[in-house]
Protein backbone atom coordinates (compact mmCIF):
# COMPACT_ATOMS: atom_id res chain seq x y z
CA UNK A 1 11.00 19.18 16.23
CA UNK A 2 8.56 16.25 16.20
CA UNK A 3 9.35 12.59 16.84
CA UNK A 4 9.21 11.64 13.17
CA UNK A 5 11.75 14.31 12.19
CA UNK A 6 14.11 13.28 15.02
CA UNK A 7 14.00 9.58 14.05
CA UNK A 8 14.50 10.34 10.35
CA UNK A 9 17.41 12.67 11.08
CA UNK A 10 19.09 10.17 13.38
CA UNK A 11 18.82 7.38 10.81
CA UNK A 12 20.16 9.58 7.99
CA UNK A 13 23.01 10.92 10.15
CA UNK A 14 23.93 7.37 11.17
CA UNK A 15 24.10 6.27 7.54
CA UNK A 16 26.07 9.43 6.58
CA UNK A 17 28.58 8.56 9.29
CA UNK A 18 28.81 4.99 7.95
CA UNK A 19 29.48 6.17 4.38
CA UNK A 20 32.13 8.68 5.37
CA UNK A 21 33.74 6.11 7.69
CA UNK A 22 33.94 3.56 4.86
CA UNK A 23 35.44 6.21 2.54
CA UNK A 24 38.08 7.18 5.10
CA UNK A 25 38.96 3.53 5.82
CA UNK A 26 39.29 2.77 2.10
CA UNK A 27 40.89 6.10 1.21
CA UNK A 28 42.49 6.09 -2.24
CA UNK A 29 46.28 6.29 -2.01
CA UNK A 30 47.11 5.72 -5.69
CA UNK A 31 45.51 6.52 -9.03
CA UNK A 32 44.52 2.87 -9.59
CA UNK A 33 42.67 2.99 -6.23
CA UNK A 34 40.99 6.26 -7.17
CA UNK A 35 39.83 5.25 -10.66
CA UNK A 36 39.32 1.45 -10.69
CA UNK A 37 39.71 0.27 -7.04
CA UNK A 38 42.96 -1.49 -8.06
CA UNK A 39 40.85 -3.92 -10.18
CA UNK A 40 40.42 -6.21 -7.20
CA UNK A 41 36.66 -6.18 -6.39
CA UNK A 42 35.03 -9.68 -6.31
CA UNK A 43 32.13 -10.14 -8.80
CA UNK A 44 29.43 -10.66 -6.13
CA UNK A 45 30.29 -7.44 -4.29
CA UNK A 46 30.89 -5.59 -7.55
CA UNK A 47 27.41 -6.66 -8.68
CA UNK A 48 25.97 -5.26 -5.46
CA UNK A 49 27.99 -2.05 -5.92
CA UNK A 50 26.65 -1.81 -9.49
CA UNK A 51 23.15 -2.21 -8.03
CA UNK A 52 23.86 0.62 -5.59
CA UNK A 53 25.36 2.75 -8.35
CA UNK A 54 22.36 2.00 -10.58
CA UNK A 55 19.63 2.53 -7.98
CA UNK A 56 19.67 6.26 -8.33
CA UNK A 57 17.19 8.75 -6.96
CA UNK A 58 15.30 8.21 -10.22
CA UNK A 59 14.86 4.51 -9.47
CA UNK A 60 14.21 4.79 -5.73
CA UNK A 61 12.27 8.04 -5.54
CA UNK A 62 10.94 8.70 -9.03
CA UNK A 63 10.12 5.39 -10.71
CA UNK A 64 7.26 4.15 -8.53
CA UNK A 65 5.73 7.62 -8.69
CA UNK A 66 6.01 7.63 -12.47
CA UNK A 67 4.34 4.21 -12.70
CA UNK A 68 1.65 5.32 -10.23
CA UNK A 69 0.77 8.39 -12.28
CA UNK A 70 1.27 6.96 -15.79
CA UNK A 71 0.15 3.38 -15.11
CA UNK A 72 1.06 0.97 -17.91
CA UNK A 73 2.95 3.67 -19.82
CA UNK A 74 5.38 4.07 -16.92
CA UNK A 75 6.56 0.47 -17.38
CA UNK A 76 8.80 1.67 -20.24
CA UNK A 77 11.22 2.84 -17.55
CA UNK A 78 11.40 -0.57 -15.90
CA UNK A 79 11.77 -2.52 -19.15
CA UNK A 80 14.27 -0.05 -20.63
CA UNK A 81 16.54 0.20 -17.62
CA UNK A 82 16.57 -3.57 -17.05
CA UNK A 83 16.94 -4.58 -20.70
CA UNK A 84 19.93 -2.30 -21.16
CA UNK A 85 21.95 -4.42 -18.74
CA UNK A 86 21.66 -7.37 -21.12
CA UNK A 87 23.20 -5.24 -23.88
CA UNK A 88 25.96 -4.13 -21.56
CA UNK A 89 26.72 -7.53 -20.01
CA UNK A 90 26.87 -9.49 -23.26
CA UNK A 91 27.99 -6.97 -25.89
CA UNK A 92 30.34 -4.51 -24.20
CA UNK A 93 31.40 -4.95 -20.56
CA UNK A 94 33.69 -8.03 -20.84
CA UNK A 95 35.42 -6.68 -23.93
CA UNK A 96 35.94 -3.23 -22.43
CA UNK A 97 37.35 -4.84 -19.29
CA UNK A 98 39.81 -6.89 -21.35
CA UNK A 99 41.11 -3.73 -23.00
CA UNK A 100 42.38 -2.78 -19.55
CA UNK A 101 41.83 0.98 -19.46
CA UNK A 102 40.50 3.27 -16.72
CA UNK A 103 37.69 5.14 -18.48
CA UNK A 104 35.39 5.15 -21.52
CA UNK A 105 37.20 8.13 -23.13
CA UNK A 106 40.51 6.32 -22.64
CA UNK A 107 39.13 3.23 -24.42
CA UNK A 108 37.84 5.36 -27.30
CA UNK A 109 41.10 7.31 -27.58
CA UNK A 110 43.29 4.18 -27.60
CA UNK A 111 40.96 1.97 -29.65
CA UNK A 112 40.80 4.54 -32.44
CA UNK A 113 44.32 5.88 -31.91
CA UNK A 114 43.10 9.48 -31.66
CA UNK A 115 43.55 12.15 -29.00
CA UNK A 116 40.77 14.15 -30.66
CA UNK A 117 38.35 11.26 -30.14
CA UNK A 118 39.57 10.99 -26.52
CA UNK A 119 38.93 14.71 -25.90
CA UNK A 120 35.44 14.64 -27.45
CA UNK A 121 34.57 11.52 -25.43
CA UNK A 122 35.86 13.12 -22.21
CA UNK A 123 33.82 16.30 -22.75
CA UNK A 124 30.71 14.25 -23.62
CA UNK A 125 31.22 12.12 -20.49
CA UNK A 126 31.31 15.24 -18.34
CA UNK A 127 28.12 16.60 -19.99
CA UNK A 128 26.25 13.30 -19.55
CA UNK A 129 27.37 12.75 -15.97
CA UNK A 130 26.67 16.37 -15.08
CA UNK A 131 23.11 16.06 -16.42
CA UNK A 132 22.58 12.84 -14.47
CA UNK A 133 23.91 14.20 -11.20
CA UNK A 134 21.46 17.12 -11.27
CA UNK A 135 18.70 14.53 -10.84
CA UNK A 136 20.47 12.94 -7.89
CA UNK A 137 20.99 16.24 -6.12
CA UNK A 138 17.32 17.10 -6.73
CA UNK A 139 16.45 13.78 -5.09
CA UNK A 140 18.52 14.54 -2.02
CA UNK A 141 16.77 17.92 -1.81
CA UNK A 142 13.33 16.22 -1.80
CA UNK A 143 14.37 13.95 1.08
CA UNK A 144 16.15 16.50 3.27
CA UNK A 145 13.52 19.17 2.53
CA UNK A 146 10.73 16.92 3.81
CA UNK A 147 12.59 15.83 6.93
CA UNK A 148 13.50 19.36 7.97
CA UNK A 149 10.18 20.74 6.65
CA UNK A 150 12.03 23.24 4.46
CA UNK A 151 11.90 24.01 0.71
CA UNK A 152 13.59 21.31 -1.38
CA UNK A 153 16.24 23.76 -2.66
CA UNK A 154 17.72 24.11 0.84
CA UNK A 155 17.76 20.35 1.20
CA UNK A 156 19.72 20.19 -2.06
CA UNK A 157 22.39 22.50 -0.60
CA UNK A 158 22.87 20.16 2.37
CA UNK A 159 23.10 17.11 0.08
CA UNK A 160 25.78 18.82 -2.03
CA UNK A 161 28.06 19.21 1.00
CA UNK A 162 27.75 15.57 2.11
CA UNK A 163 28.28 14.15 -1.39
CA UNK A 164 31.36 16.31 -2.00
CA UNK A 165 32.98 15.15 1.24
CA UNK A 166 32.75 11.40 0.85
CA UNK A 167 33.32 11.22 -2.91
CA UNK A 168 36.44 13.37 -2.64
CA UNK A 169 37.95 11.23 0.11
CA UNK A 170 37.48 7.68 -1.10
CA UNK A 171 37.75 7.66 -4.89
CA UNK A 172 36.51 4.49 -6.63
CA UNK A 173 37.93 2.22 -3.91
CA UNK A 174 35.99 3.96 -1.14
CA UNK A 175 32.90 4.48 -3.28
CA UNK A 176 32.75 0.78 -4.24
CA UNK A 177 32.35 -0.36 -0.64
CA UNK A 178 30.18 2.64 0.21
CA UNK A 179 27.84 1.63 -2.64
CA UNK A 180 27.62 -1.91 -1.25
CA UNK A 181 26.45 -0.50 2.09
CA UNK A 182 24.09 1.91 0.33
CA UNK A 183 22.52 -0.85 -1.73
CA UNK A 184 21.80 -2.94 1.39
CA UNK A 185 20.21 0.06 3.11
CA UNK A 186 18.14 1.20 0.12
CA UNK A 187 16.75 -2.25 -0.79
CA UNK A 188 15.68 -2.91 2.80
CA UNK A 189 14.13 0.57 2.93
CA UNK A 190 12.28 -0.03 -0.34
CA UNK A 191 10.86 -3.49 0.39
CA UNK A 192 9.76 -3.07 4.03
CA UNK A 193 7.04 -0.45 3.28
CA UNK A 194 5.43 -2.53 0.51
CA UNK A 195 5.45 -5.61 2.74
CA UNK A 196 3.61 -3.60 5.42
CA UNK A 197 1.23 -2.09 2.85
CA UNK A 198 0.48 -5.53 1.43
CA UNK A 199 -0.31 -6.81 4.93
CA UNK A 200 -2.43 -3.75 5.63
CA UNK A 201 -4.46 -3.91 2.41
CA UNK A 202 -4.54 -7.65 1.57
CA UNK A 203 -3.41 -9.44 4.78
CA UNK A 204 -0.66 -11.09 2.72
CA UNK A 205 3.02 -10.15 3.32
CA UNK A 206 4.11 -10.91 -0.28
CA UNK A 207 3.34 -7.76 -2.31
CA UNK A 208 4.59 -9.27 -5.58
CA UNK A 209 1.75 -11.81 -5.43
CA UNK A 210 -1.01 -9.48 -4.21
CA UNK A 211 -0.75 -6.24 -6.12
CA UNK A 212 -2.40 -7.75 -9.22
CA UNK A 213 -5.72 -7.84 -7.36
CA UNK A 214 -5.24 -4.21 -6.32
CA UNK A 215 -4.62 -3.21 -9.95
CA UNK A 216 -7.96 -4.80 -10.87
CA UNK A 217 -9.70 -2.77 -8.15
CA UNK A 218 -7.94 0.38 -9.38
CA UNK A 219 -9.45 -0.23 -12.82
CA UNK A 220 -12.92 -0.33 -11.26
CA UNK A 221 -12.26 2.91 -9.35
CA UNK A 222 -11.02 4.57 -12.54
CA UNK A 223 -14.20 3.57 -14.39
CA UNK A 224 -16.33 4.99 -11.59
CA UNK A 225 -14.45 8.30 -11.83
CA UNK A 226 -14.52 8.30 -15.63
CA UNK A 227 -10.74 8.58 -16.02
CA UNK A 228 -8.22 6.55 -18.04
CA UNK A 229 -7.82 3.07 -16.56
CA UNK A 230 -4.59 2.59 -14.62
CA UNK A 231 -3.47 -0.44 -16.62
CA UNK A 232 -4.77 0.67 -20.04
CA UNK A 233 -1.85 0.72 -22.52
CA UNK A 234 -0.85 4.03 -24.11
CA UNK A 235 -3.48 6.04 -22.29
CA UNK A 236 -0.94 8.65 -21.16
CA UNK A 237 1.47 8.55 -24.13
CA UNK A 238 1.62 7.42 -27.72
CA UNK A 239 2.93 4.00 -28.68
CA UNK A 240 5.84 5.64 -30.53
CA UNK A 241 6.89 7.47 -27.34
CA UNK A 242 6.66 4.27 -25.29
CA UNK A 243 8.98 2.47 -27.75
CA UNK A 244 11.30 5.47 -28.06
CA UNK A 245 11.63 5.83 -24.28
CA UNK A 246 12.28 2.11 -23.79
CA UNK A 247 14.91 2.10 -26.58
CA UNK A 248 16.56 5.26 -25.22
CA UNK A 249 16.88 3.80 -21.72
CA UNK A 250 18.24 0.48 -23.05
CA UNK A 251 21.01 1.95 -25.19
CA UNK A 252 21.68 4.63 -22.59
CA UNK A 253 22.17 1.99 -19.91
CA UNK A 254 24.72 0.18 -22.07
CA UNK A 255 26.62 3.41 -22.77
CA UNK A 256 26.60 5.26 -19.43
CA UNK A 257 30.26 5.94 -18.55
CA UNK A 258 29.73 5.73 -14.78
CA UNK A 259 28.13 2.27 -15.13
CA UNK A 260 30.72 0.92 -17.59
CA UNK A 261 33.60 1.95 -15.34
CA UNK A 262 32.26 -0.35 -12.60
CA UNK A 263 33.18 -3.31 -14.82
CA UNK A 264 36.80 -2.07 -14.89
CA UNK A 265 37.14 -2.77 -11.16
CA UNK A 266 37.21 -6.59 -11.47
CA UNK A 267 40.08 -8.88 -12.43
CA UNK A 268 38.97 -10.60 -15.67
CA UNK A 269 36.41 -10.75 -18.51
CA UNK A 270 34.73 -13.64 -16.73
CA UNK A 271 34.47 -11.61 -13.54
CA UNK A 272 32.94 -8.75 -15.57
CA UNK A 273 30.24 -11.10 -16.91
CA UNK A 274 29.47 -12.42 -13.43
CA UNK A 275 29.33 -8.86 -12.10
CA UNK A 276 26.63 -8.13 -14.69
CA UNK A 277 24.70 -11.25 -13.76
CA UNK A 278 24.77 -10.43 -10.03
CA UNK A 279 23.85 -6.81 -10.79
CA UNK A 280 20.72 -7.97 -12.62
CA UNK A 281 19.67 -10.02 -9.60
CA UNK A 282 20.11 -7.10 -7.20
CA UNK A 283 18.47 -4.62 -9.56
CA UNK A 284 15.49 -6.92 -10.17
CA UNK A 285 14.69 -6.88 -6.43
CA UNK A 286 13.77 -3.22 -6.67
CA UNK A 287 12.36 -3.14 -10.18
CA UNK A 288 9.96 -6.01 -9.49
CA UNK A 289 8.81 -4.12 -6.40
CA UNK A 290 8.19 -0.73 -8.04
CA UNK A 291 4.85 -1.66 -9.71
CA UNK A 292 3.60 -3.00 -6.36
CA UNK A 293 4.64 0.22 -4.66
CA UNK A 294 2.82 2.26 -7.33
CA UNK A 295 -0.38 0.20 -7.15
CA UNK A 296 -0.60 0.26 -3.33
CA UNK A 297 0.15 4.01 -3.18
CA UNK A 298 -2.49 4.88 -5.75
CA UNK A 299 -5.05 2.61 -4.06
CA UNK A 300 -4.50 4.22 -0.65
CA UNK A 301 -4.68 7.74 -2.11
CA UNK A 302 -7.88 6.97 -4.04
CA UNK A 303 -9.66 5.25 -1.15
CA UNK A 304 -8.41 7.09 1.96
CA UNK A 305 -7.54 10.63 0.84
CA UNK A 306 -9.72 11.39 -2.20
CA UNK A 307 -13.34 11.83 -1.17
CA UNK A 308 -12.46 13.23 2.30
CA UNK A 309 -13.56 16.66 3.59
CA UNK A 310 -10.96 19.25 2.62
CA UNK A 311 -10.67 20.51 6.23
CA UNK A 312 -10.14 17.01 7.65
CA UNK A 313 -7.13 15.93 5.59
CA UNK A 314 -4.37 14.07 7.45
CA UNK A 315 -1.39 16.01 8.85
CA UNK A 316 1.06 14.63 6.30
CA UNK A 317 -0.60 16.66 3.51
CA UNK A 318 0.37 19.93 5.19
CA UNK A 319 4.04 19.00 5.50
CA UNK A 320 4.28 17.91 1.85
CA UNK A 321 2.40 21.01 0.64
CA UNK A 322 5.14 23.03 2.41
CA UNK A 323 7.79 21.40 0.20
CA UNK A 324 5.99 22.63 -2.93
CA UNK A 325 5.67 19.09 -4.32
CA UNK A 326 2.00 18.51 -3.40
CA UNK A 327 -1.04 20.63 -4.19
CA UNK A 328 -4.55 20.09 -2.85
CA UNK A 329 -7.34 22.54 -3.62
CA UNK A 330 -11.14 22.41 -3.46
CA UNK A 331 -11.60 23.66 -7.01
CA UNK A 332 -15.35 23.03 -7.26
CA UNK A 333 -16.08 24.41 -3.80
CA UNK A 334 -18.01 21.39 -2.47
CA UNK A 335 -15.78 20.95 0.57
CA UNK A 336 -14.68 17.49 -0.57
CA UNK A 337 -11.25 16.70 -2.03
CA UNK A 338 -11.76 14.97 -5.38
CA UNK A 339 -9.13 12.71 -7.02
CA UNK A 340 -8.75 15.27 -9.83
CA UNK A 341 -8.01 17.99 -7.25
CA UNK A 342 -4.88 16.24 -5.99
CA UNK A 343 -1.68 17.28 -7.84
CA UNK A 344 1.13 15.07 -6.61
CA UNK A 345 4.68 15.15 -7.98
CA UNK A 346 6.16 11.86 -9.22
CA UNK A 347 9.10 12.54 -6.94
CA UNK A 348 7.29 12.34 -3.59
CA UNK A 349 5.27 9.14 -3.97
CA UNK A 350 7.82 6.79 -2.41
CA UNK A 351 8.75 9.28 0.29
CA UNK A 352 5.15 10.14 1.17
CA UNK A 353 3.59 6.67 1.03
CA UNK A 354 4.79 5.48 4.48
CA UNK A 355 3.09 8.57 5.93
CA UNK A 356 -0.01 8.12 3.74
CA UNK A 357 -0.28 4.49 4.90
CA UNK A 358 0.51 5.46 8.51
CA UNK A 359 3.37 2.96 8.79
CA UNK A 360 5.07 4.63 11.74
CA UNK A 361 8.08 6.85 12.35
CA UNK A 362 10.67 4.06 12.05
CA UNK A 363 9.57 3.05 8.55
CA UNK A 364 9.35 6.70 7.49
CA UNK A 365 12.90 7.28 8.74
CA UNK A 366 14.12 4.10 7.05
CA UNK A 367 12.68 5.19 3.69
CA UNK A 368 14.33 8.60 4.07
CA UNK A 369 17.69 6.93 4.75
CA UNK A 370 17.17 4.61 1.78
CA UNK A 371 16.31 7.49 -0.54
CA UNK A 372 19.44 9.35 0.51
CA UNK A 373 21.47 6.16 -0.01
CA UNK A 374 20.10 5.91 -3.56
CA UNK A 375 20.88 9.53 -4.41
CA UNK A 376 24.33 9.43 -2.82
CA UNK A 377 25.40 6.08 -4.33
CA UNK A 378 24.80 7.18 -7.89
CA UNK A 379 26.13 10.68 -7.26
CA UNK A 380 29.38 9.18 -5.99
CA UNK A 381 29.86 7.10 -9.14
CA UNK A 382 29.03 10.07 -11.37
CA UNK A 383 31.48 12.34 -9.58
CA UNK A 384 34.29 9.79 -9.99
CA UNK A 385 33.43 9.59 -13.69
CA UNK A 386 33.55 13.39 -14.08
CA UNK A 387 36.78 13.46 -12.08
CA UNK A 388 38.50 10.75 -14.13
CA UNK A 389 37.41 12.30 -17.43
CA UNK A 390 39.00 15.58 -16.44
CA UNK A 391 42.01 14.49 -14.38
CA UNK A 392 42.94 11.33 -16.27
CA UNK A 393 41.71 11.76 -19.87
CA UNK A 394 42.20 15.52 -20.28
CA UNK A 395 44.81 16.61 -17.71
CA UNK A 396 47.06 13.53 -17.65
CA UNK A 397 46.64 12.02 -21.12
CA UNK A 398 46.49 15.31 -23.07
CA UNK A 399 47.84 18.24 -21.00
CA UNK A 400 50.50 16.95 -18.63
CA UNK A 401 51.58 13.34 -19.38
CA UNK A 402 54.40 13.64 -16.81
CA UNK A 403 52.10 14.51 -13.91
CA UNK A 404 52.82 12.61 -10.69
CA UNK A 405 50.25 10.45 -8.92
CA UNK A 406 49.92 13.19 -6.30
CA UNK A 407 49.07 15.86 -8.89
CA UNK A 408 46.62 13.57 -10.68
CA UNK A 409 44.80 12.75 -7.45
CA UNK A 410 44.66 16.45 -6.53
CA UNK A 411 43.23 17.31 -9.96
CA UNK A 412 40.64 14.55 -9.61
CA UNK A 413 39.55 15.73 -6.18
CA UNK A 414 39.24 19.37 -7.26
CA UNK A 415 37.17 18.26 -10.25
CA UNK A 416 34.75 16.51 -7.85
CA UNK A 417 34.36 19.58 -5.64
CA UNK A 418 33.76 21.97 -8.56
CA UNK A 419 31.36 19.58 -10.37
CA UNK A 420 29.32 19.10 -7.18
CA UNK A 421 29.00 22.82 -6.55
CA UNK A 422 28.00 23.69 -10.13
CA UNK A 423 25.52 20.77 -10.39
CA UNK A 424 24.11 21.73 -7.00
CA UNK A 425 23.41 25.28 -8.20
CA UNK A 426 21.52 23.94 -11.24
CA UNK A 427 19.63 21.43 -9.05
CA UNK A 428 18.28 24.27 -6.89
CA UNK A 429 15.77 24.90 -9.67
CA UNK A 430 15.72 21.60 -11.63
CA UNK A 431 14.52 21.76 -15.25
CA UNK A 432 12.24 18.72 -14.82
CA UNK A 433 11.22 15.87 -12.51
CA UNK A 434 13.95 13.39 -11.54
CA UNK A 435 13.05 10.61 -13.98
CA UNK A 436 12.84 13.13 -16.83
CA UNK A 437 16.27 14.63 -16.12
CA UNK A 438 17.80 11.16 -15.87
CA UNK A 439 16.17 10.13 -19.17
CA UNK A 440 17.94 13.07 -20.84
CA UNK A 441 21.27 11.75 -19.57
CA UNK A 442 20.45 8.30 -20.98
CA UNK A 443 19.49 9.80 -24.35
CA UNK A 444 22.77 11.74 -24.50
CA UNK A 445 24.81 8.68 -23.48
CA UNK A 446 23.14 6.44 -26.05
CA UNK A 447 23.24 9.03 -28.80
CA UNK A 448 26.94 9.78 -28.21
CA UNK A 449 28.58 6.53 -27.13
CA UNK A 450 26.52 3.41 -27.85
CA UNK A 451 27.18 3.16 -31.62
CA UNK A 452 30.86 4.06 -31.24
CA UNK A 453 31.43 1.56 -28.43
CA UNK A 454 29.51 -1.24 -30.14
CA UNK A 455 31.24 -0.72 -33.49
CA UNK A 456 34.57 -0.17 -31.74
CA UNK A 457 34.33 -3.61 -30.17
CA UNK A 458 32.67 -5.60 -32.96
CA UNK A 459 33.69 -3.89 -36.24
CA UNK A 460 37.43 -3.65 -36.81
CA UNK A 461 36.93 -1.34 -39.83
CA UNK A 462 35.56 1.48 -37.62
CA UNK A 463 38.16 4.26 -37.58
CA UNK A 464 38.94 7.50 -35.75
CA UNK A 465 37.28 9.83 -38.25
CA UNK A 466 34.12 7.75 -38.19
CA UNK A 467 34.07 7.72 -34.36
CA UNK A 468 34.68 11.49 -34.13
CA UNK A 469 31.96 12.27 -36.66
CA UNK A 470 29.53 9.81 -35.05
CA UNK A 471 30.01 11.20 -31.53
CA UNK A 472 29.75 14.85 -32.60
CA UNK A 473 26.68 14.30 -34.77
CA UNK A 474 25.02 11.92 -32.29
CA UNK A 475 25.51 14.28 -29.34
CA UNK A 476 24.39 17.33 -31.34
CA UNK A 477 21.28 15.67 -32.81
CA UNK A 478 20.19 14.19 -29.47
CA UNK A 479 20.70 17.43 -27.55
CA UNK A 480 18.95 19.48 -30.27
CA UNK A 481 15.98 17.11 -30.29
CA UNK A 482 15.63 17.31 -26.51
CA UNK A 483 15.52 21.12 -26.72
CA UNK A 484 13.08 21.08 -29.65
CA UNK A 485 10.78 18.56 -27.96
CA UNK A 486 10.81 20.68 -24.80
CA UNK A 487 9.53 23.58 -26.92
CA UNK A 488 6.76 21.44 -28.46
CA UNK A 489 8.38 20.40 -31.77
CA UNK A 490 8.40 16.60 -32.09
CA UNK A 491 8.60 13.80 -34.67
CA UNK A 492 6.07 10.92 -34.64
CA UNK A 493 4.96 11.88 -31.12
CA UNK A 494 8.40 11.16 -29.62
CA UNK A 495 9.01 13.37 -26.56
CA UNK A 496 12.28 14.69 -25.11
CA UNK A 497 12.76 11.56 -22.98
CA UNK A 498 12.79 9.37 -26.12
CA UNK A 499 15.43 11.40 -27.97
CA UNK A 500 17.79 8.41 -28.13
CA UNK A 501 15.67 6.85 -30.87
CA UNK A 502 16.54 9.86 -33.05
CA UNK A 503 20.22 10.24 -32.14
CA UNK A 504 21.42 6.62 -32.02
CA UNK A 505 20.50 5.53 -35.60
CA UNK A 506 21.99 8.74 -37.01
CA UNK A 507 25.21 8.13 -35.05
CA UNK A 508 25.41 4.56 -36.44
CA UNK A 509 24.88 5.75 -40.02
CA UNK A 510 27.44 8.57 -39.76
CA UNK A 511 30.09 6.39 -38.06
CA UNK A 512 29.75 3.62 -40.66
CA UNK A 513 29.65 5.92 -43.70
CA UNK A 514 32.61 8.07 -42.63
CA UNK A 515 34.64 4.98 -41.68
CA UNK A 516 33.92 3.42 -45.09
CA UNK A 517 34.83 6.63 -46.95
CA UNK A 518 38.18 7.09 -45.16
CA UNK A 519 41.29 4.98 -44.62
CA UNK A 520 41.06 1.80 -42.54
CA UNK A 521 42.67 1.72 -39.08
CA UNK A 522 46.19 0.34 -38.75
CA UNK A 523 46.59 -3.42 -38.75
CA UNK A 524 47.70 -3.25 -35.10
CA UNK A 525 44.42 -1.61 -34.06
CA UNK A 526 42.38 -4.09 -36.11
CA UNK A 527 44.21 -7.03 -34.49
CA UNK A 528 43.49 -5.58 -31.02
CA UNK A 529 39.77 -5.39 -31.86
CA UNK A 530 39.70 -9.03 -33.00
CA UNK A 531 41.54 -10.06 -29.81
CA UNK A 532 38.89 -8.33 -27.66
CA UNK A 533 36.30 -10.93 -28.66
CA UNK A 534 38.15 -13.86 -27.06
CA UNK A 535 38.60 -14.76 -23.38
CA UNK A 536 41.92 -14.03 -21.72
CA UNK A 537 44.65 -16.52 -22.44
CA UNK A 538 45.91 -18.33 -19.38
CA UNK A 539 49.47 -19.48 -18.89
CA UNK A 540 50.96 -21.45 -16.05
CA UNK A 541 54.16 -20.51 -14.23
CA UNK A 542 55.48 -22.49 -11.28
CA UNK A 543 52.07 -24.04 -10.75
CA UNK A 544 50.30 -20.64 -10.63
CA UNK A 545 47.84 -19.18 -13.15
CA UNK A 546 48.96 -16.00 -14.92
CA UNK A 547 46.86 -13.97 -17.36
CA UNK A 548 48.10 -12.77 -20.71
CA UNK A 549 49.20 -9.11 -20.70
CA UNK A 550 46.50 -8.26 -23.25
CA UNK A 551 43.93 -8.62 -20.48
CA UNK A 552 45.17 -5.44 -18.84
CA UNK A 553 46.66 -7.28 -15.83
């Protein structure tokens, strides 16, 4: 075992120990701990936990690689994922927090007064979260596979075991503070390499100010090679797909159950808004860095690897070829590796770049630990969401309303173990690259939940039949379009990752039409919807501030 592998393993094992230790220390003892961390997380730390929850393997591992390979067209991911938080923070999160429930299906069931709507929402939540977690487990496989120099599928198996242990122990309370630690680790691991690369290439330690010049040089290199310019708009995709992908990621962000539930862990509507604001700050640190990462990585590959003799390639190429995620072949037989002869997966760019740039074993190990933190943080939130949808919304609210706290916690923990194992089996042979799989989850979330949640909060006339019809049609249309697009059948050039642009408008139309054609909700439900739009009412008792019961406290 070489020095690099030993350092990487030690750093990952140290962070694993930290996560499991935090989960044990903050072990959930009651259902409110397990599902919403007893609603006592301060906004600043909740914003950081949201950042950790959000910075999935797709963001950490896949996004810079996508931007590096697609250039301008890859920016749809950055704009879509960031813009969606504005939707969520201003249109949904504070109001959902005021309603005072544990989960998205519980909000839908109670808001529309329908157990059928609750069941459909719970099943859809499990489908969406299950799809998303496959991408995270694939990410953990990429990291562990490279460190141990084994196929990525075996790395996935190891990641499954670790994730199942710490998510089962801590519940939302443990995962909240674990995600804070994971965010700190992953953001340090993401920024340090681009600072070193910026120093190495431009002699300036501020990559956000220097990568523009590198992009200009990349354009010149592209022209010399006769390929599409790195920063040329819509060179790799059609304009319709760019818009569809950006829209899909925006509405998906605002409707993802595992993200929304993080806003349930704070005390008030105001705290929910501040959580969103802090989350944007923490998320921006990585998203503003991804284009720099992509530009530096592409520049180093084009100037230091492409054009070299095929039998004199650096050692890192051999180790990545062994993972199956890098291919290099002298196709024209001239003994020189051309740029066109390098086939590099989106998913290895961030992991491989410290080796490509020769940044040293410590930085390589740090990036590995950061990538695992990203995959684990999101996987933890997703598993809690799957668990709560099954144990709380289906088992407790529909099957056994008299279940004790002990039985509910046991059901939740078993749901986590089973979901992790099944998702891990699927992730052994993932159906796409990480960012693609995650985009499917966003399309399904937007197509199923965004119209129903938005209308449920802002249109008191929306009723149960409209919500049920909207969710069923939206989920079916979005899923069908993803499958059709995968087989080559598309509309207006929109690919599978932009399916939300098809499903969301149809969901809106169906929900509104069916609600209009059927009886209005009860006056009580309509009054509750109107009340959601206003801040909590404060009263004063014995010199202390008390919130109105409608706030869920």
